[in-house]
Amino acid sequence: MKKEKSITIQSRRNFIKTAIPACSLSCMGIGSLFSANSLFGQEIDNEEEHKFQKDWCMSYEKVFKYRYSYYIRIMKEMEKNLGKNNLLNMIKRANDDSILPNPSPDPDFDFSKYISGGKEMYKNMMTWDIIEETDIKYEIKATECLWAKVYREKDAGDLGFATVCYADALWAKSAHPNIKFTRTKTLMQGDSHCDHCWEFKR
């Protein structure tokens, strides 16, 4: 069994684009690549950076807590008025309506490339073992998940499942309608692990 500390799920889920600040790049040393006044001997403009673009370094966990704690508080207030089941069903329907199957899938879609695409990006957010990996199937046993950690610490596992986990199958279909995603256990719901499986039907 191969040990992995990276995730391959195509953006949850677009989280990176909206939640992780630019500082995460500089914290990992990438920003230093452009710190000099010249690159490969060519002078580059030294324009003053707008304050919105300045680095704001935080750990992955702090970013997640910053990003989701406010959302959890708002949803719990809504729950008082709507009732838990109504709120969770509304969130799931919102996912259904906003994450749609890809109507024009790439005829040259590469399942292996799809699976490997996010490994580096998500390696600090989840931990798992690879159960099976072929050119048409990818199955893992996830034992750590930062989403589950943050939501469950706020006693909001049900909310986390409706918001994050429920959408996993939808994200797969949005990449290609021939991808089938299955799962019977989630850390978010209190299980010991998540058993994610993606299968590509040619």
N, C-alpha and C. Protein backbone atom coordinates (compact mmCIF):
# COMPACT_ATOMS: atom_id res chain seq x y z
N MET A 1 0.84 -1.19 0.00
CA MET A 1 0.00 0.00 0.00
C MET A 1 0.88 1.24 0.00
N LYS A 2 0.62 2.12 -0.91
CA LYS A 2 1.46 3.31 -1.06
C LYS A 2 0.94 4.44 -0.21
N LYS A 3 1.83 5.05 0.57
CA LYS A 3 1.43 6.14 1.47
C LYS A 3 1.51 7.46 0.74
N GLU A 4 0.43 8.23 0.79
CA GLU A 4 0.41 9.54 0.16
C GLU A 4 0.02 10.59 1.18
N LYS A 5 0.53 11.77 1.03
CA LYS A 5 0.11 12.91 1.82
C LYS A 5 -0.26 14.04 0.88
N SER A 6 -1.05 13.71 -0.11
CA SER A 6 -1.49 14.70 -1.06
C SER A 6 -2.86 14.31 -1.56
N ILE A 7 -3.59 15.29 -2.10
CA ILE A 7 -4.92 14.97 -2.60
C ILE A 7 -5.03 15.28 -4.07
N THR A 8 -5.86 14.53 -4.76
CA THR A 8 -5.96 14.70 -6.19
C THR A 8 -7.31 15.25 -6.61
N ILE A 9 -8.13 15.57 -5.71
CA ILE A 9 -9.46 16.03 -6.07
C ILE A 9 -9.37 17.36 -6.78
N GLN A 10 -10.02 17.47 -7.92
CA GLN A 10 -10.03 18.74 -8.61
C GLN A 10 -10.79 19.73 -7.77
N SER A 11 -10.20 20.83 -7.54
CA SER A 11 -10.56 21.84 -6.58
C SER A 11 -11.93 21.70 -6.00
N ARG A 12 -11.89 21.53 -4.69
CA ARG A 12 -13.05 21.66 -3.88
C ARG A 12 -13.53 22.97 -3.78
N ARG A 13 -11.87 22.44 -4.47
CA ARG A 13 -13.03 22.61 -4.64
C ARG A 13 -12.99 23.98 -4.86
N ASN A 14 -12.42 24.70 -5.65
CA ASN A 14 -11.99 26.04 -5.97
C ASN A 14 -11.63 26.82 -4.74
N PHE A 15 -11.41 26.09 -3.64
CA PHE A 15 -11.09 26.76 -2.37
C PHE A 15 -9.83 27.59 -2.47
N ILE A 16 -8.81 27.06 -3.12
CA ILE A 16 -7.52 27.72 -3.17
C ILE A 16 -7.67 29.12 -3.75
N LYS A 17 -8.49 29.25 -4.78
CA LYS A 17 -8.60 30.53 -5.47
C LYS A 17 -9.22 31.60 -4.59
N THR A 18 -10.04 31.18 -3.62
CA THR A 18 -10.77 32.15 -2.83
C THR A 18 -10.33 32.24 -1.39
N ALA A 19 -9.68 31.20 -0.88
CA ALA A 19 -9.44 31.16 0.56
C ALA A 19 -7.99 31.28 0.96
N ILE A 20 -7.07 30.76 0.16
CA ILE A 20 -5.68 30.79 0.55
C ILE A 20 -5.03 32.04 -0.02
N PRO A 21 -4.55 32.93 0.83
CA PRO A 21 -4.00 34.19 0.36
C PRO A 21 -2.69 33.99 -0.39
N ALA A 22 -2.30 35.04 -1.11
CA ALA A 22 -1.08 34.96 -1.89
C ALA A 22 0.13 34.67 -1.03
N CYS A 23 0.03 34.94 0.26
CA CYS A 23 1.17 34.73 1.14
C CYS A 23 1.60 33.28 1.18
N SER A 24 0.66 32.35 0.89
CA SER A 24 1.03 30.95 0.96
C SER A 24 2.13 30.63 -0.04
N LEU A 25 2.16 31.35 -1.15
CA LEU A 25 3.22 31.14 -2.12
C LEU A 25 4.55 31.63 -1.58
N SER A 26 4.53 32.84 -1.03
CA SER A 26 5.79 33.38 -0.53
C SER A 26 6.28 32.62 0.68
N CYS A 27 5.35 32.11 1.50
CA CYS A 27 5.75 31.34 2.67
C CYS A 27 6.48 30.06 2.26
N MET A 28 6.14 29.53 1.09
CA MET A 28 6.77 28.31 0.62
C MET A 28 8.00 28.61 -0.22
N GLY A 29 8.35 29.89 -0.28
CA GLY A 29 9.59 30.25 -0.96
C GLY A 29 9.43 30.62 -2.41
N ILE A 30 8.22 30.47 -2.98
CA ILE A 30 8.03 30.76 -4.38
C ILE A 30 8.18 32.25 -4.65
N GLY A 31 7.72 33.05 -3.72
CA GLY A 31 7.79 34.49 -3.91
C GLY A 31 9.20 35.00 -4.06
N SER A 32 10.16 34.32 -3.45
CA SER A 32 11.54 34.79 -3.51
C SER A 32 12.10 34.72 -4.92
N LEU A 33 11.46 33.91 -5.78
CA LEU A 33 11.93 33.79 -7.14
C LEU A 33 11.91 35.12 -7.86
N PHE A 34 10.96 35.98 -7.48
CA PHE A 34 10.80 37.24 -8.16
C PHE A 34 11.25 38.42 -7.31
N SER A 35 12.02 38.16 -6.27
CA SER A 35 12.39 39.22 -5.35
C SER A 35 13.53 40.09 -5.86
N ALA A 36 14.31 39.58 -6.79
CA ALA A 36 15.44 40.35 -7.30
C ALA A 36 14.96 41.40 -8.28
N ASN A 37 15.81 42.40 -8.55
CA ASN A 37 15.45 43.45 -9.49
C ASN A 37 15.60 43.00 -10.94
N SER A 38 16.26 41.88 -11.15
CA SER A 38 16.42 41.39 -12.51
C SER A 38 16.19 39.89 -12.53
N LEU A 39 15.75 39.41 -13.70
CA LEU A 39 15.47 37.98 -13.87
C LEU A 39 16.18 37.51 -15.11
N PHE A 40 17.11 36.57 -14.94
CA PHE A 40 17.91 36.07 -16.06
C PHE A 40 18.60 37.22 -16.79
N GLY A 41 19.07 38.21 -16.02
CA GLY A 41 19.85 39.28 -16.59
C GLY A 41 19.04 40.40 -17.19
N GLN A 42 17.71 40.26 -17.23
CA GLN A 42 16.87 41.29 -17.81
C GLN A 42 16.24 42.12 -16.70
N GLU A 43 16.34 43.43 -16.84
CA GLU A 43 15.75 44.31 -15.84
C GLU A 43 14.24 44.23 -15.93
N ILE A 44 13.59 44.24 -14.77
CA ILE A 44 12.13 44.23 -14.73
C ILE A 44 11.64 45.44 -13.98
N ASP A 45 10.45 45.87 -14.28
CA ASP A 45 9.88 47.06 -13.64
C ASP A 45 9.71 46.82 -12.16
N ASN A 46 9.99 47.81 -11.39
CA ASN A 46 9.88 47.71 -9.94
C ASN A 46 8.68 48.53 -9.47
N GLU A 47 7.51 48.18 -9.97
CA GLU A 47 6.31 48.93 -9.64
C GLU A 47 5.92 48.69 -8.19
N GLU A 48 5.42 49.72 -7.57
CA GLU A 48 5.00 49.60 -6.17
C GLU A 48 3.77 48.71 -6.08
N GLU A 49 3.81 47.79 -5.17
CA GLU A 49 2.72 46.83 -5.00
C GLU A 49 1.56 47.45 -4.26
N HIS A 50 0.35 47.19 -4.74
CA HIS A 50 -0.84 47.68 -4.05
C HIS A 50 -0.97 46.93 -2.73
N LYS A 51 -1.49 47.58 -1.73
CA LYS A 51 -1.58 46.97 -0.40
C LYS A 51 -2.41 45.70 -0.39
N PHE A 52 -3.40 45.59 -1.30
CA PHE A 52 -4.22 44.38 -1.35
C PHE A 52 -3.41 43.16 -1.80
N GLN A 53 -2.27 43.39 -2.45
CA GLN A 53 -1.46 42.31 -2.97
C GLN A 53 -0.32 41.90 -2.05
N LYS A 54 -0.20 42.56 -0.92
CA LYS A 54 0.89 42.25 0.00
C LYS A 54 0.68 40.90 0.68
N ASP A 55 1.78 40.26 1.07
CA ASP A 55 1.72 38.96 1.71
C ASP A 55 1.05 39.03 3.07
N TRP A 56 0.32 37.96 3.39
CA TRP A 56 -0.34 37.85 4.69
C TRP A 56 -0.19 36.39 5.11
N CYS A 57 0.91 36.06 5.76
CA CYS A 57 1.26 34.66 5.98
C CYS A 57 0.49 34.03 7.13
N MET A 58 -0.12 32.87 6.84
CA MET A 58 -0.85 32.09 7.83
C MET A 58 -0.64 30.62 7.51
N SER A 59 -0.82 29.77 8.51
CA SER A 59 -0.75 28.34 8.27
C SER A 59 -2.00 27.89 7.53
N TYR A 60 -1.95 26.72 6.93
CA TYR A 60 -3.12 26.18 6.26
C TYR A 60 -4.30 26.09 7.22
N GLU A 61 -4.04 25.62 8.44
CA GLU A 61 -5.13 25.46 9.40
C GLU A 61 -5.73 26.81 9.77
N LYS A 62 -4.88 27.82 9.96
CA LYS A 62 -5.40 29.15 10.29
C LYS A 62 -6.22 29.72 9.15
N VAL A 63 -5.78 29.46 7.92
CA VAL A 63 -6.54 29.93 6.76
C VAL A 63 -7.91 29.27 6.73
N PHE A 64 -7.95 27.95 6.95
CA PHE A 64 -9.22 27.24 6.96
C PHE A 64 -10.14 27.77 8.05
N LYS A 65 -9.59 27.96 9.24
CA LYS A 65 -10.40 28.46 10.35
C LYS A 65 -10.91 29.86 10.06
N TYR A 66 -10.05 30.68 9.48
CA TYR A 66 -10.44 32.04 9.13
C TYR A 66 -11.53 32.01 8.07
N ARG A 67 -11.37 31.12 7.09
CA ARG A 67 -12.31 31.05 5.97
C ARG A 67 -13.66 30.49 6.39
N TYR A 68 -13.67 29.46 7.23
CA TYR A 68 -14.92 28.74 7.49
C TYR A 68 -15.61 29.09 8.80
N SER A 69 -14.90 29.63 9.76
CA SER A 69 -15.53 29.90 11.06
C SER A 69 -16.68 30.89 10.93
N TYR A 70 -16.48 31.93 10.13
CA TYR A 70 -17.54 32.91 9.94
C TYR A 70 -18.74 32.27 9.24
N TYR A 71 -18.47 31.48 8.21
CA TYR A 71 -19.53 30.80 7.49
C TYR A 71 -20.33 29.89 8.42
N ILE A 72 -19.63 29.16 9.28
CA ILE A 72 -20.31 28.26 10.22
C ILE A 72 -21.22 29.04 11.16
N ARG A 73 -20.72 30.16 11.66
CA ARG A 73 -21.55 30.98 12.57
C ARG A 73 -22.82 31.46 11.87
N ILE A 74 -22.68 31.93 10.64
CA ILE A 74 -23.84 32.43 9.90
C ILE A 74 -24.84 31.30 9.66
N MET A 75 -24.34 30.13 9.25
CA MET A 75 -25.23 29.01 8.97
C MET A 75 -25.95 28.53 10.22
N LYS A 76 -25.27 28.57 11.35
CA LYS A 76 -25.92 28.14 12.59
C LYS A 76 -27.02 29.11 13.00
N GLU A 77 -26.84 30.39 12.70
CA GLU A 77 -27.90 31.36 12.97
C GLU A 77 -29.09 31.11 12.04
N MET A 78 -28.80 30.79 10.79
CA MET A 78 -29.88 30.49 9.84
C MET A 78 -30.62 29.23 10.25
N GLU A 79 -29.88 28.28 10.81
CA GLU A 79 -30.48 27.03 11.25
C GLU A 79 -31.55 27.27 12.31
N LYS A 80 -31.34 28.27 13.15
CA LYS A 80 -32.32 28.56 14.20
C LYS A 80 -33.66 28.96 13.61
N ASN A 81 -33.64 29.59 12.45
CA ASN A 81 -34.88 30.05 11.82
C ASN A 81 -35.45 29.04 10.83
N LEU A 82 -34.56 28.31 10.16
CA LEU A 82 -35.01 27.41 9.12
C LEU A 82 -35.19 25.97 9.59
N GLY A 83 -34.46 25.61 10.66
CA GLY A 83 -34.41 24.21 11.07
C GLY A 83 -33.24 23.53 10.37
N LYS A 84 -32.60 22.58 11.06
CA LYS A 84 -31.39 21.96 10.52
C LYS A 84 -31.63 21.26 9.18
N ASN A 85 -32.65 20.42 9.10
CA ASN A 85 -32.88 19.66 7.87
C ASN A 85 -33.15 20.57 6.69
N ASN A 86 -33.95 21.60 6.90
CA ASN A 86 -34.25 22.54 5.81
C ASN A 86 -32.98 23.24 5.33
N LEU A 87 -32.14 23.65 6.28
CA LEU A 87 -30.91 24.34 5.91
C LEU A 87 -29.98 23.41 5.13
N LEU A 88 -29.77 22.21 5.63
CA LEU A 88 -28.87 21.28 4.96
C LEU A 88 -29.36 20.93 3.55
N ASN A 89 -30.67 20.75 3.41
CA ASN A 89 -31.23 20.45 2.09
C ASN A 89 -31.07 21.63 1.14
N MET A 90 -31.20 22.85 1.66
CA MET A 90 -31.00 24.04 0.84
C MET A 90 -29.56 24.12 0.34
N ILE A 91 -28.60 23.82 1.22
CA ILE A 91 -27.19 23.87 0.82
C ILE A 91 -26.90 22.82 -0.25
N LYS A 92 -27.44 21.63 -0.07
CA LYS A 92 -27.23 20.57 -1.07
C LYS A 92 -27.85 20.96 -2.41
N ARG A 93 -29.05 21.54 -2.37
CA ARG A 93 -29.69 21.96 -3.63
C ARG A 93 -28.89 23.07 -4.30
N ALA A 94 -28.31 23.94 -3.49
CA ALA A 94 -27.47 25.00 -4.05
C ALA A 94 -26.25 24.40 -4.75
N ASN A 95 -25.67 23.37 -4.15
CA ASN A 95 -24.56 22.67 -4.81
C ASN A 95 -25.02 22.03 -6.12
N ASP A 96 -26.18 21.38 -6.07
CA ASP A 96 -26.72 20.73 -7.27
C ASP A 96 -26.90 21.73 -8.40
N ASP A 97 -27.36 22.92 -8.06
CA ASP A 97 -27.68 23.93 -9.08
C ASP A 97 -26.45 24.69 -9.58
N SER A 98 -25.38 24.67 -8.81
CA SER A 98 -24.22 25.49 -9.18
C SER A 98 -23.04 24.68 -9.72
N ILE A 99 -23.00 23.36 -9.42
CA ILE A 99 -21.90 22.51 -9.91
C ILE A 99 -22.51 21.52 -10.88
N LEU A 100 -22.51 21.87 -12.14
CA LEU A 100 -23.23 21.10 -13.15
C LEU A 100 -22.30 20.17 -13.93
N PRO A 101 -22.84 19.06 -14.45
CA PRO A 101 -22.03 18.18 -15.30
C PRO A 101 -21.48 18.93 -16.50
N ASN A 102 -20.32 18.56 -16.93
CA ASN A 102 -19.68 19.20 -18.08
C ASN A 102 -20.45 18.83 -19.35
N PRO A 103 -21.07 19.82 -20.02
CA PRO A 103 -21.86 19.50 -21.21
C PRO A 103 -21.00 19.23 -22.44
N SER A 104 -19.74 19.66 -22.41
CA SER A 104 -18.85 19.48 -23.56
C SER A 104 -17.52 18.92 -23.11
N PRO A 105 -17.50 17.66 -22.68
CA PRO A 105 -16.25 17.08 -22.18
C PRO A 105 -15.19 16.97 -23.26
N ASP A 106 -13.96 17.11 -22.86
CA ASP A 106 -12.82 17.00 -23.77
C ASP A 106 -12.76 15.56 -24.32
N PRO A 107 -12.79 15.38 -25.63
CA PRO A 107 -12.72 14.01 -26.18
C PRO A 107 -11.38 13.34 -25.88
N ASP A 108 -10.37 14.14 -25.57
CA ASP A 108 -9.05 13.59 -25.23
C ASP A 108 -8.81 13.63 -23.72
N PHE A 109 -9.87 13.62 -22.95
CA PHE A 109 -9.75 13.70 -21.49
C PHE A 109 -8.81 12.62 -20.96
N ASP A 110 -7.88 13.05 -20.11
CA ASP A 110 -6.89 12.14 -19.54
C ASP A 110 -7.21 11.96 -18.06
N PHE A 111 -7.76 10.80 -17.70
CA PHE A 111 -8.15 10.54 -16.32
C PHE A 111 -6.96 10.59 -15.38
N SER A 112 -5.85 10.01 -15.79
CA SER A 112 -4.66 10.00 -14.94
C SER A 112 -4.17 11.40 -14.65
N LYS A 113 -4.22 12.26 -15.66
CA LYS A 113 -3.80 13.65 -15.47
C LYS A 113 -4.77 14.37 -14.54
N TYR A 114 -6.04 14.07 -14.68
CA TYR A 114 -7.06 14.66 -13.80
C TYR A 114 -6.79 14.28 -12.35
N ILE A 115 -6.48 13.03 -12.11
CA ILE A 115 -6.23 12.54 -10.76
C ILE A 115 -4.97 13.16 -10.17
N SER A 116 -3.94 13.28 -10.98
CA SER A 116 -2.65 13.76 -10.46
C SER A 116 -2.57 15.27 -10.36
N GLY A 117 -3.53 15.96 -10.96
CA GLY A 117 -3.44 17.41 -11.08
C GLY A 117 -3.31 18.19 -9.79
N GLY A 118 -3.96 17.74 -8.73
CA GLY A 118 -3.96 18.54 -7.51
C GLY A 118 -3.10 18.01 -6.38
N LYS A 119 -2.24 17.04 -6.64
CA LYS A 119 -1.48 16.43 -5.56
C LYS A 119 -0.66 17.43 -4.77
N GLU A 120 0.10 18.24 -5.46
CA GLU A 120 0.96 19.19 -4.77
C GLU A 120 0.13 20.24 -4.05
N MET A 121 -0.95 20.66 -4.69
CA MET A 121 -1.78 21.71 -4.11
C MET A 121 -2.42 21.30 -2.79
N TYR A 122 -2.82 20.04 -2.69
CA TYR A 122 -3.59 19.60 -1.53
C TYR A 122 -2.79 18.78 -0.52
N LYS A 123 -1.49 18.69 -0.70
CA LYS A 123 -0.72 17.79 0.16
C LYS A 123 -0.72 18.23 1.62
N ASN A 124 -0.97 19.49 1.91
CA ASN A 124 -1.01 19.97 3.29
C ASN A 124 -2.42 20.06 3.85
N MET A 125 -3.38 19.51 3.13
CA MET A 125 -4.77 19.59 3.56
C MET A 125 -5.38 18.23 3.87
N MET A 126 -4.80 17.18 3.32
CA MET A 126 -5.32 15.83 3.56
C MET A 126 -4.17 14.83 3.60
N THR A 127 -4.44 13.67 4.20
CA THR A 127 -3.48 12.56 4.24
C THR A 127 -4.22 11.28 3.89
N TRP A 128 -3.64 10.44 3.01
CA TRP A 128 -4.32 9.20 2.69
C TRP A 128 -3.37 8.13 2.18
N ASP A 129 -3.88 6.91 2.16
CA ASP A 129 -3.22 5.78 1.52
C ASP A 129 -3.91 5.51 0.19
N ILE A 130 -3.14 5.17 -0.81
CA ILE A 130 -3.71 4.76 -2.09
C ILE A 130 -4.05 3.27 -2.03
N ILE A 131 -5.30 2.96 -2.26
CA ILE A 131 -5.76 1.57 -2.27
C ILE A 131 -5.58 0.95 -3.65
N GLU A 132 -5.96 1.72 -4.68
CA GLU A 132 -5.81 1.23 -6.05
C GLU A 132 -5.66 2.43 -6.98
N GLU A 133 -4.74 2.32 -7.92
CA GLU A 133 -4.53 3.39 -8.89
C GLU A 133 -4.21 2.79 -10.25
N THR A 134 -5.13 3.00 -11.21
CA THR A 134 -4.93 2.56 -12.59
C THR A 134 -5.26 3.73 -13.49
N ASP A 135 -5.27 3.49 -14.80
CA ASP A 135 -5.59 4.58 -15.72
C ASP A 135 -7.09 4.85 -15.80
N ILE A 136 -7.90 4.02 -15.09
CA ILE A 136 -9.35 4.27 -15.09
C ILE A 136 -9.95 4.24 -13.68
N LYS A 137 -9.14 4.01 -12.67
CA LYS A 137 -9.68 3.94 -11.30
C LYS A 137 -8.68 4.49 -10.30
N TYR A 138 -9.21 5.24 -9.33
CA TYR A 138 -8.38 5.77 -8.25
C TYR A 138 -9.16 5.66 -6.96
N GLU A 139 -8.64 4.87 -6.02
CA GLU A 139 -9.33 4.65 -4.74
C GLU A 139 -8.36 4.94 -3.60
N ILE A 140 -8.82 5.70 -2.61
CA ILE A 140 -7.96 6.07 -1.50
C ILE A 140 -8.69 5.89 -0.16
N LYS A 141 -7.90 5.81 0.89
CA LYS A 141 -8.41 5.81 2.26
C LYS A 141 -7.81 7.04 2.94
N ALA A 142 -8.63 8.06 3.11
CA ALA A 142 -8.17 9.32 3.70
C ALA A 142 -8.31 9.26 5.22
N THR A 143 -7.22 9.54 5.91
CA THR A 143 -7.22 9.46 7.37
C THR A 143 -7.14 10.82 8.05
N GLU A 144 -6.84 11.86 7.29
CA GLU A 144 -6.84 13.22 7.83
C GLU A 144 -7.44 14.16 6.80
N CYS A 145 -8.22 15.12 7.27
CA CYS A 145 -8.85 16.10 6.37
C CYS A 145 -9.01 17.41 7.14
N LEU A 146 -8.43 18.47 6.61
CA LEU A 146 -8.50 19.75 7.31
C LEU A 146 -9.91 20.32 7.31
N TRP A 147 -10.68 20.04 6.27
CA TRP A 147 -12.09 20.48 6.27
C TRP A 147 -12.83 19.82 7.43
N ALA A 148 -12.67 18.51 7.56
CA ALA A 148 -13.36 17.78 8.63
C ALA A 148 -12.90 18.27 10.00
N LYS A 149 -11.62 18.52 10.16
CA LYS A 149 -11.10 18.97 11.44
C LYS A 149 -11.73 20.29 11.85
N VAL A 150 -11.77 21.24 10.93
CA VAL A 150 -12.29 22.57 11.26
C VAL A 150 -13.79 22.51 11.54
N TYR A 151 -14.55 21.82 10.69
CA TYR A 151 -16.00 21.76 10.89
C TYR A 151 -16.37 20.99 12.16
N ARG A 152 -15.70 19.88 12.40
CA ARG A 152 -16.06 19.07 13.57
C ARG A 152 -15.65 19.75 14.87
N GLU A 153 -14.58 20.53 14.85
CA GLU A 153 -14.21 21.28 16.05
C GLU A 153 -15.27 22.31 16.40
N LYS A 154 -16.04 22.73 15.40
CA LYS A 154 -17.13 23.69 15.61
C LYS A 154 -18.47 22.97 15.78
N ASP A 155 -18.43 21.65 15.96
CA ASP A 155 -19.65 20.85 16.11
C ASP A 155 -20.58 21.10 14.92
N ALA A 156 -19.98 21.07 13.74
CA ALA A 156 -20.74 21.37 12.53
C ALA A 156 -20.45 20.35 11.43
N GLY A 157 -20.31 19.09 11.80
CA GLY A 157 -20.02 18.05 10.82
C GLY A 157 -21.10 17.91 9.77
N ASP A 158 -22.37 17.99 10.17
CA ASP A 158 -23.47 17.88 9.21
C ASP A 158 -23.42 19.02 8.21
N LEU A 159 -23.14 20.21 8.71
CA LEU A 159 -23.02 21.37 7.84
C LEU A 159 -21.84 21.21 6.89
N GLY A 160 -20.72 20.71 7.41
CA GLY A 160 -19.55 20.49 6.58
C GLY A 160 -19.80 19.47 5.49
N PHE A 161 -20.54 18.42 5.82
CA PHE A 161 -20.83 17.40 4.81
C PHE A 161 -21.68 18.00 3.69
N ALA A 162 -22.73 18.74 4.04
CA ALA A 162 -23.61 19.33 3.03
C ALA A 162 -22.88 20.36 2.17
N THR A 163 -21.95 21.09 2.79
CA THR A 163 -21.24 22.15 2.09
C THR A 163 -20.08 21.63 1.25
N VAL A 164 -19.29 20.72 1.82
CA VAL A 164 -18.04 20.30 1.19
C VAL A 164 -18.14 18.88 0.60
N CYS A 165 -18.41 17.91 1.44
CA CYS A 165 -18.33 16.51 1.01
C CYS A 165 -19.39 16.14 -0.02
N TYR A 166 -20.59 16.65 0.16
CA TYR A 166 -21.69 16.34 -0.76
C TYR A 166 -21.33 16.70 -2.19
N ALA A 167 -20.53 17.74 -2.34
CA ALA A 167 -20.21 18.23 -3.68
C ALA A 167 -19.15 17.41 -4.41
N ASP A 168 -18.50 16.47 -3.75
CA ASP A 168 -17.42 15.73 -4.38
C ASP A 168 -17.87 15.01 -5.66
N ALA A 169 -19.00 14.35 -5.61
CA ALA A 169 -19.51 13.65 -6.79
C ALA A 169 -19.87 14.65 -7.89
N LEU A 170 -20.37 15.81 -7.51
CA LEU A 170 -20.73 16.84 -8.48
C LEU A 170 -19.50 17.39 -9.17
N TRP A 171 -18.42 17.60 -8.39
CA TRP A 171 -17.18 18.10 -8.98
C TRP A 171 -16.61 17.09 -9.98
N ALA A 172 -16.75 15.81 -9.68
CA ALA A 172 -16.26 14.79 -10.61
C ALA A 172 -17.01 14.87 -11.94
N LYS A 173 -18.33 14.99 -11.87
CA LYS A 173 -19.13 15.08 -13.09
C LYS A 173 -18.86 16.38 -13.85
N SER A 174 -18.49 17.42 -13.12
CA SER A 174 -18.19 18.69 -13.80
C SER A 174 -16.89 18.60 -14.58
N ALA A 175 -16.01 17.67 -14.17
CA ALA A 175 -14.77 17.46 -14.91
C ALA A 175 -15.04 16.62 -16.16
N HIS A 176 -15.82 15.56 -15.99
CA HIS A 176 -16.20 14.71 -17.12
C HIS A 176 -17.40 13.86 -16.69
N PRO A 177 -18.44 13.81 -17.51
CA PRO A 177 -19.66 13.06 -17.12
C PRO A 177 -19.44 11.56 -16.97
N ASN A 178 -18.33 11.04 -17.47
CA ASN A 178 -18.07 9.61 -17.37
C ASN A 178 -17.30 9.23 -16.11
N ILE A 179 -17.05 10.20 -15.24
CA ILE A 179 -16.40 9.88 -13.98
C ILE A 179 -17.47 9.54 -12.94
N LYS A 180 -17.34 8.38 -12.34
CA LYS A 180 -18.25 7.96 -11.28
C LYS A 180 -17.51 8.04 -9.94
N PHE A 181 -18.07 8.81 -9.03
CA PHE A 181 -17.46 8.96 -7.70
C PHE A 181 -18.33 8.25 -6.68
N THR A 182 -17.71 7.41 -5.83
CA THR A 182 -18.44 6.72 -4.77
C THR A 182 -17.70 6.85 -3.45
N ARG A 183 -18.47 6.75 -2.37
CA ARG A 183 -17.90 6.84 -1.03
C ARG A 183 -18.94 6.38 -0.02
N THR A 184 -18.51 5.64 0.99
CA THR A 184 -19.44 5.15 2.01
C THR A 184 -19.12 5.69 3.40
N LYS A 185 -17.93 6.26 3.58
CA LYS A 185 -17.53 6.77 4.90
C LYS A 185 -16.88 8.14 4.74
N THR A 186 -17.07 8.99 5.76
CA THR A 186 -16.41 10.30 5.76
C THR A 186 -15.94 10.65 7.16
N LEU A 187 -14.78 11.26 7.23
CA LEU A 187 -14.29 11.81 8.48
C LEU A 187 -15.24 12.90 8.98
N MET A 188 -15.82 13.63 8.06
CA MET A 188 -16.72 14.72 8.42
C MET A 188 -17.91 14.21 9.23
N GLN A 189 -18.36 13.00 8.95
CA GLN A 189 -19.52 12.44 9.66
C GLN A 189 -19.11 11.56 10.84
N GLY A 190 -17.82 11.59 11.18
CA GLY A 190 -17.37 10.88 12.36
C GLY A 190 -16.79 9.51 12.12
N ASP A 191 -16.67 9.10 10.87
CA ASP A 191 -16.05 7.81 10.58
C ASP A 191 -14.54 7.90 10.78
N SER A 192 -13.89 6.75 10.81
CA SER A 192 -12.45 6.71 11.03
C SER A 192 -11.66 7.16 9.81
N HIS A 193 -12.31 7.17 8.63
CA HIS A 193 -11.63 7.55 7.41
C HIS A 193 -12.68 7.85 6.33
N CYS A 194 -12.20 8.37 5.21
CA CYS A 194 -13.03 8.53 4.02
C CYS A 194 -12.57 7.51 2.99
N ASP A 195 -13.50 6.84 2.33
CA ASP A 195 -13.14 5.86 1.30
C ASP A 195 -13.54 6.38 -0.08
N HIS A 196 -12.78 7.32 -0.58
CA HIS A 196 -13.06 7.92 -1.89
C HIS A 196 -12.69 6.98 -3.03
N CYS A 197 -13.51 6.97 -4.06
CA CYS A 197 -13.19 6.17 -5.24
C CYS A 197 -13.71 6.88 -6.49
N TRP A 198 -12.81 7.09 -7.46
CA TRP A 198 -13.17 7.66 -8.75
C TRP A 198 -12.95 6.60 -9.82
N GLU A 199 -13.93 6.40 -10.68
CA GLU A 199 -13.80 5.45 -11.80
C GLU A 199 -14.19 6.15 -13.09
N PHE A 200 -13.39 5.93 -14.11
CA PHE A 200 -13.65 6.57 -15.41
C PHE A 200 -14.16 5.53 -16.39
N LYS A 201 -15.37 5.74 -16.89
CA LYS A 201 -15.97 4.84 -17.87
C LYS A 201 -15.66 5.37 -19.26
N ARG A 202 -14.85 4.66 -20.01
CA ARG A 202 -14.45 5.12 -21.33
C ARG A 202 -15.64 5.17 -22.28
